[in-house]
Amino acid sequence: MEIKKSAKVGQAIERLMKSEELNGSQLAMDLNVSRQHGSHMKTGRRNMPQDIAQESIRTYDNPEYITDIMFEFSSGYTPPVFRGKNLERHRLAIEQMTICEMEEAIRTMRAVCLVKPPQQLDKTERENVGNLIDEILDARTFIDNLLIQLQSEYKISIKKRIAACIPRWKARGWLG
């Protein structure tokens, strides 16, 4: 995966400023840029450089903003924030969709055999693996969107929870 050197993030900045109740001067000060530079990034006249994106992620513990920034800078490798008209953005609706997508991913995982070496798969088996990847991505994206909603509503920081989990993950040998 390649991380872009810069990206258009105007809508993300606009949403961040609204949710954090920031004005242009405060944003510029937080990111150590001129007010004009901040304004140009917000309006899309200027891309956000990678170093400013990193600083903004350190500065703002706003999961929706961080997810937007990660999605843009990763060229879509990380999941997006779901904002479509066919999804109720309430924790219970997102929770239910997450459960449904996780169950579908598990059903697909049980139906697809990954024992065979990849180079030995026929066309149908490769398509089944592709479908499994799609189902896992659906579940992963809903999980991330549920985490965003939980932090937003319950004010429990995902960053802090991950930091607290790292020693446990290391103790289990999951991290090196």
C-alpha atoms as a PDB file:
ATOM      1  CA  MET A   1       0.000   0.000   0.000  1.00  0.00           C
ATOM      2  CA  GLU A   2       1.275   3.424  -0.906  1.00  0.00           C
ATOM      3  CA  ILE A   3       0.541   6.439   1.268  1.00  0.00           C
ATOM      4  CA  LYS A   4      -0.057   9.520  -0.846  1.00  0.00           C
ATOM      5  CA  LYS A   5       2.219  12.528  -0.335  1.00  0.00           C
ATOM      6  CA  SER A   6      -0.876  14.759  -0.335  1.00  0.00           C
ATOM      7  CA  ALA A   7      -4.647  14.445  -0.741  1.00  0.00           C
ATOM      8  CA  LYS A   8      -7.784  16.501  -1.189  1.00  0.00           C
ATOM      9  CA  VAL A   9      -9.519  16.489   2.191  1.00  0.00           C
ATOM     10  CA  GLY A  10     -11.774  19.554   2.066  1.00  0.00           C
ATOM     11  CA  GLN A  11     -14.958  17.751   3.104  1.00  0.00           C
ATOM     12  CA  ALA A  12     -13.145  15.999   5.941  1.00  0.00           C
ATOM     13  CA  ILE A  13     -11.826  19.327   7.241  1.00  0.00           C
ATOM     14  CA  GLU A  14     -15.250  20.899   6.900  1.00  0.00           C
ATOM     15  CA  ARG A  15     -16.886  18.072   8.890  1.00  0.00           C
ATOM     16  CA  LEU A  16     -14.103  18.203  11.499  1.00  0.00           C
ATOM     17  CA  MET A  17     -14.515  21.940  11.984  1.00  0.00           C
ATOM     18  CA  LYS A  18     -18.262  21.537  12.406  1.00  0.00           C
ATOM     19  CA  SER A  19     -18.083  18.600  14.832  1.00  0.00           C
ATOM     20  CA  GLU A  20     -15.249  20.098  16.895  1.00  0.00           C
ATOM     21  CA  GLU A  21     -16.698  23.621  16.632  1.00  0.00           C
ATOM     22  CA  LEU A  22     -13.433  24.969  15.222  1.00  0.00           C
ATOM     23  CA  ASN A  23     -12.966  28.207  13.357  1.00  0.00           C
ATOM     24  CA  GLY A  24     -10.343  28.676  10.649  1.00  0.00           C
ATOM     25  CA  SER A  25      -7.904  30.399  12.982  1.00  0.00           C
ATOM     26  CA  GLN A  26      -8.035  27.585  15.540  1.00  0.00           C
ATOM     27  CA  LEU A  27      -7.594  24.919  12.852  1.00  0.00           C
ATOM     28  CA  ALA A  28      -4.609  26.784  11.391  1.00  0.00           C
ATOM     29  CA  MET A  29      -3.025  27.162  14.837  1.00  0.00           C
ATOM     30  CA  ASP A  30      -3.614  23.484  15.724  1.00  0.00           C
ATOM     31  CA  LEU A  31      -2.017  22.332  12.462  1.00  0.00           C
ATOM     32  CA  ASN A  32       0.733  24.948  12.472  1.00  0.00           C
ATOM     33  CA  VAL A  33      -0.266  26.343   9.062  1.00  0.00           C
ATOM     34  CA  SER A  34      -1.342  29.787   7.940  1.00  0.00           C
ATOM     35  CA  ARG A  35      -5.034  30.596   8.067  1.00  0.00           C
ATOM     36  CA  GLN A  36      -4.937  30.924   4.266  1.00  0.00           C
ATOM     37  CA  HIS A  37      -3.358  27.472   3.876  1.00  0.00           C
ATOM     38  CA  GLY A  38      -6.029  25.961   6.136  1.00  0.00           C
ATOM     39  CA  SER A  39      -8.755  27.714   4.156  1.00  0.00           C
ATOM     40  CA  HIS A  40      -7.317  26.486   0.858  1.00  0.00           C
ATOM     41  CA  MET A  41      -7.239  22.885   2.108  1.00  0.00           C
ATOM     42  CA  LYS A  42     -10.843  23.203   3.291  1.00  0.00           C
ATOM     43  CA  THR A  43     -12.058  24.577  -0.039  1.00  0.00           C
ATOM     44  CA  GLY A  44     -10.078  22.034  -2.069  1.00  0.00           C
ATOM     45  CA  ARG A  45      -7.822  24.605  -3.718  1.00  0.00           C
ATOM     46  CA  ARG A  46      -4.864  22.957  -2.048  1.00  0.00           C
ATOM     47  CA  ASN A  47      -4.126  19.377  -1.059  1.00  0.00           C
ATOM     48  CA  MET A  48      -3.241  18.508   2.517  1.00  0.00           C
ATOM     49  CA  PRO A  49       0.397  17.373   2.724  1.00  0.00           C
ATOM     50  CA  GLN A  50       1.144  14.066   4.420  1.00  0.00           C
ATOM     51  CA  ASP A  51       2.987  15.663   7.355  1.00  0.00           C
ATOM     52  CA  ILE A  52       0.028  17.933   8.143  1.00  0.00           C
ATOM     53  CA  ALA A  53      -2.327  14.950   7.875  1.00  0.00           C
ATOM     54  CA  GLN A  54      -0.207  13.078  10.418  1.00  0.00           C
ATOM     55  CA  GLU A  55      -0.204  16.080  12.736  1.00  0.00           C
ATOM     56  CA  SER A  56      -3.971  16.430  12.410  1.00  0.00           C
ATOM     57  CA  ILE A  57      -4.466  12.769  13.340  1.00  0.00           C
ATOM     58  CA  ARG A  58      -2.298  13.276  16.441  1.00  0.00           C
ATOM     59  CA  THR A  59      -4.124  16.498  17.320  1.00  0.00           C
ATOM     60  CA  TYR A  60      -7.767  15.502  16.870  1.00  0.00           C
ATOM     61  CA  ASP A  61      -9.216  12.388  18.465  1.00  0.00           C
ATOM     62  CA  ASN A  62     -12.126  12.417  16.029  1.00  0.00           C
ATOM     63  CA  PRO A  63     -12.650   8.932  14.547  1.00  0.00           C
ATOM     64  CA  GLU A  64     -14.772  10.074  11.604  1.00  0.00           C
ATOM     65  CA  TYR A  65     -12.138  12.621  10.577  1.00  0.00           C
ATOM     66  CA  ILE A  66      -9.268  10.160  11.078  1.00  0.00           C
ATOM     67  CA  THR A  67     -11.083   7.538   9.003  1.00  0.00           C
ATOM     68  CA  ASP A  68     -11.707  10.075   6.221  1.00  0.00           C
ATOM     69  CA  ILE A  69      -8.031  11.100   6.222  1.00  0.00           C
ATOM     70  CA  MET A  70      -6.783   7.504   6.260  1.00  0.00           C
ATOM     71  CA  PHE A  71      -9.150   6.578   3.420  1.00  0.00           C
ATOM     72  CA  GLU A  72      -7.959   9.491   1.244  1.00  0.00           C
ATOM     73  CA  PHE A  73      -4.245   9.072   1.938  1.00  0.00           C
ATOM     74  CA  SER A  74      -4.337   5.281   1.465  1.00  0.00           C
ATOM     75  CA  SER A  75      -6.045   5.589  -1.947  1.00  0.00           C
ATOM     76  CA  GLY A  76      -9.023   3.682  -0.590  1.00  0.00           C
ATOM     77  CA  TYR A  77      -7.127   0.826   1.096  1.00  0.00           C
ATOM     78  CA  THR A  78      -8.676   1.603   4.474  1.00  0.00           C
ATOM     79  CA  PRO A  79     -12.467   1.554   4.951  1.00  0.00           C
ATOM     80  CA  PRO A  80     -14.545   4.681   4.328  1.00  0.00           C
ATOM     81  CA  VAL A  81     -17.108   6.279   6.607  1.00  0.00           C
ATOM     82  CA  PHE A  82     -20.567   5.189   5.499  1.00  0.00           C
ATOM     83  CA  ARG A  83     -22.722   8.242   4.817  1.00  0.00           C
ATOM     84  CA  GLY A  84     -25.092   6.863   2.201  1.00  0.00           C
ATOM     85  CA  LYS A  85     -28.804   7.606   2.081  1.00  0.00           C
ATOM     86  CA  ASN A  86     -29.703   3.938   2.660  1.00  0.00           C
ATOM     87  CA  LEU A  87     -28.066   3.674   6.074  1.00  0.00           C
ATOM     88  CA  GLU A  88     -29.418   5.063   9.313  1.00  0.00           C
ATOM     89  CA  ARG A  89     -26.428   6.504  11.178  1.00  0.00           C
ATOM     90  CA  HIS A  90     -27.630   5.495  14.625  1.00  0.00           C
ATOM     91  CA  ARG A  91     -25.623   3.154  16.826  1.00  0.00           C
ATOM     92  CA  LEU A  92     -28.397   0.535  16.928  1.00  0.00           C
ATOM     93  CA  ALA A  93     -28.814   0.482  13.145  1.00  0.00           C
ATOM     94  CA  ILE A  94     -25.073   0.285  12.588  1.00  0.00           C
ATOM     95  CA  GLU A  95     -24.773  -2.382  15.280  1.00  0.00           C
ATOM     96  CA  GLN A  96     -27.453  -4.501  13.570  1.00  0.00           C
ATOM     97  CA  MET A  97     -25.814  -4.095  10.149  1.00  0.00           C
ATOM     98  CA  THR A  98     -22.437  -5.006  11.675  1.00  0.00           C
ATOM     99  CA  ILE A  99     -23.886  -8.200  13.144  1.00  0.00           C
ATOM    100  CA  CYS A 100     -25.522  -9.122   9.817  1.00  0.00           C
ATOM    101  CA  GLU A 101     -22.321  -8.489   7.857  1.00  0.00           C
ATOM    102  CA  MET A 102     -20.178 -10.394  10.361  1.00  0.00           C
ATOM    103  CA  GLU A 103     -22.559 -13.359  10.239  1.00  0.00           C
ATOM    104  CA  GLU A 104     -22.491 -13.298   6.428  1.00  0.00           C
ATOM    105  CA  ALA A 105     -18.685 -13.195   6.470  1.00  0.00           C
ATOM    106  CA  ILE A 106     -18.574 -16.159   8.864  1.00  0.00           C
ATOM    107  CA  ARG A 107     -21.038 -18.142   6.703  1.00  0.00           C
ATOM    108  CA  THR A 108     -18.936 -17.439   3.636  1.00  0.00           C
ATOM    109  CA  MET A 109     -15.736 -18.318   5.517  1.00  0.00           C
ATOM    110  CA  ARG A 110     -17.209 -21.672   6.483  1.00  0.00           C
ATOM    111  CA  ALA A 111     -18.236 -22.353   2.868  1.00  0.00           C
ATOM    112  CA  VAL A 112     -14.878 -21.468   1.287  1.00  0.00           C
ATOM    113  CA  CYS A 113     -11.994 -23.880   1.724  1.00  0.00           C
ATOM    114  CA  LEU A 114      -8.637 -22.145   2.097  1.00  0.00           C
ATOM    115  CA  VAL A 115      -6.685 -25.369   2.594  1.00  0.00           C
ATOM    116  CA  LYS A 116      -5.792 -25.771  -1.081  1.00  0.00           C
ATOM    117  CA  PRO A 117      -2.684 -23.844  -2.191  1.00  0.00           C
ATOM    118  CA  PRO A 118      -3.679 -20.639  -4.054  1.00  0.00           C
ATOM    119  CA  GLN A 119      -1.885 -21.675  -7.244  1.00  0.00           C
ATOM    120  CA  GLN A 120      -3.999 -24.874  -7.390  1.00  0.00           C
ATOM    121  CA  LEU A 121      -7.396 -23.104  -7.373  1.00  0.00           C
ATOM    122  CA  ASP A 122      -9.688 -23.299 -10.366  1.00  0.00           C
ATOM    123  CA  LYS A 123     -11.683 -20.302 -11.599  1.00  0.00           C
ATOM    124  CA  THR A 124     -14.729 -21.003  -9.397  1.00  0.00           C
ATOM    125  CA  GLU A 125     -12.607 -21.476  -6.283  1.00  0.00           C
ATOM    126  CA  ARG A 126     -10.796 -18.176  -6.951  1.00  0.00           C
ATOM    127  CA  GLU A 127     -14.166 -16.433  -7.352  1.00  0.00           C
ATOM    128  CA  ASN A 128     -15.253 -17.919  -4.026  1.00  0.00           C
ATOM    129  CA  VAL A 129     -12.131 -16.527  -2.357  1.00  0.00           C
ATOM    130  CA  GLY A 130     -12.890 -13.144  -3.957  1.00  0.00           C
ATOM    131  CA  ASN A 131     -16.433 -13.307  -2.545  1.00  0.00           C
ATOM    132  CA  LEU A 132     -14.999 -14.155   0.873  1.00  0.00           C
ATOM    133  CA  ILE A 133     -12.739 -11.105   0.694  1.00  0.00           C
ATOM    134  CA  ASP A 134     -15.765  -8.947  -0.221  1.00  0.00           C
ATOM    135  CA  GLU A 135     -17.738 -10.265   2.761  1.00  0.00           C
ATOM    136  CA  ILE A 136     -14.819  -9.696   5.134  1.00  0.00           C
ATOM    137  CA  LEU A 137     -14.454  -6.142   3.798  1.00  0.00           C
ATOM    138  CA  ASP A 138     -18.175  -5.486   4.340  1.00  0.00           C
ATOM    139  CA  ALA A 139     -17.878  -6.705   7.932  1.00  0.00           C
ATOM    140  CA  ARG A 140     -14.628  -4.789   8.541  1.00  0.00           C
ATOM    141  CA  THR A 141     -16.104  -1.561   7.234  1.00  0.00           C
ATOM    142  CA  PHE A 142     -19.218  -1.884   9.371  1.00  0.00           C
ATOM    143  CA  ILE A 143     -17.068  -2.705  12.406  1.00  0.00           C
ATOM    144  CA  ASP A 144     -15.027   0.452  11.827  1.00  0.00           C
ATOM    145  CA  ASN A 145     -18.176   2.518  11.325  1.00  0.00           C
ATOM    146  CA  LEU A 146     -19.661   1.085  14.530  1.00  0.00           C
ATOM    147  CA  LEU A 147     -16.484   2.041  16.415  1.00  0.00           C
ATOM    148  CA  ILE A 148     -16.768   5.578  15.028  1.00  0.00           C
ATOM    149  CA  GLN A 149     -20.363   5.806  16.210  1.00  0.00           C
ATOM    150  CA  LEU A 150     -19.542   4.393  19.651  1.00  0.00           C
ATOM    151  CA  GLN A 151     -16.720   6.884  20.218  1.00  0.00           C
ATOM    152  CA  SER A 152     -18.899   9.729  18.990  1.00  0.00           C
ATOM    153  CA  GLU A 153     -21.830   8.866  21.233  1.00  0.00           C
ATOM    154  CA  TYR A 154     -20.098   7.450  24.314  1.00  0.00           C
ATOM    155  CA  LYS A 155     -16.957   9.625  24.207  1.00  0.00           C
ATOM    156  CA  ILE A 156     -14.663   6.604  24.643  1.00  0.00           C
ATOM    157  CA  SER A 157     -11.492   7.119  22.613  1.00  0.00           C
ATOM    158  CA  ILE A 158     -10.620   4.391  20.114  1.00  0.00           C
ATOM    159  CA  LYS A 159      -6.990   5.588  20.160  1.00  0.00           C
ATOM    160  CA  LYS A 160      -6.813   5.199  23.938  1.00  0.00           C
ATOM    161  CA  ARG A 161      -8.531   1.799  23.859  1.00  0.00           C
ATOM    162  CA  ILE A 162      -6.081   0.526  21.234  1.00  0.00           C
ATOM    163  CA  ALA A 163      -3.151   1.852  23.292  1.00  0.00           C
ATOM    164  CA  ALA A 164      -4.548  -0.006  26.319  1.00  0.00           C
ATOM    165  CA  CYS A 165      -4.926  -3.229  24.276  1.00  0.00           C
ATOM    166  CA  ILE A 166      -1.379  -3.254  22.920  1.00  0.00           C
ATOM    167  CA  PRO A 167       0.257  -4.747  26.064  1.00  0.00           C
ATOM    168  CA  ARG A 168      -2.346  -7.539  26.079  1.00  0.00           C
ATOM    169  CA  TRP A 169      -1.795  -8.219  22.361  1.00  0.00           C
ATOM    170  CA  LYS A 170       1.976  -8.329  22.926  1.00  0.00           C
ATOM    171  CA  ALA A 171       1.555 -10.675  25.889  1.00  0.00           C
ATOM    172  CA  ARG A 172      -0.474 -13.028  23.692  1.00  0.00           C
ATOM    173  CA  GLY A 173       2.273 -12.975  21.069  1.00  0.00           C
ATOM    174  CA  TRP A 174       0.056 -11.258  18.492  1.00  0.00           C
ATOM    175  CA  LEU A 175       2.446  -8.287  18.218  1.00  0.00           C
ATOM    176  CA  GLY A 176       6.206  -8.441  17.955  1.00  0.00           C
END
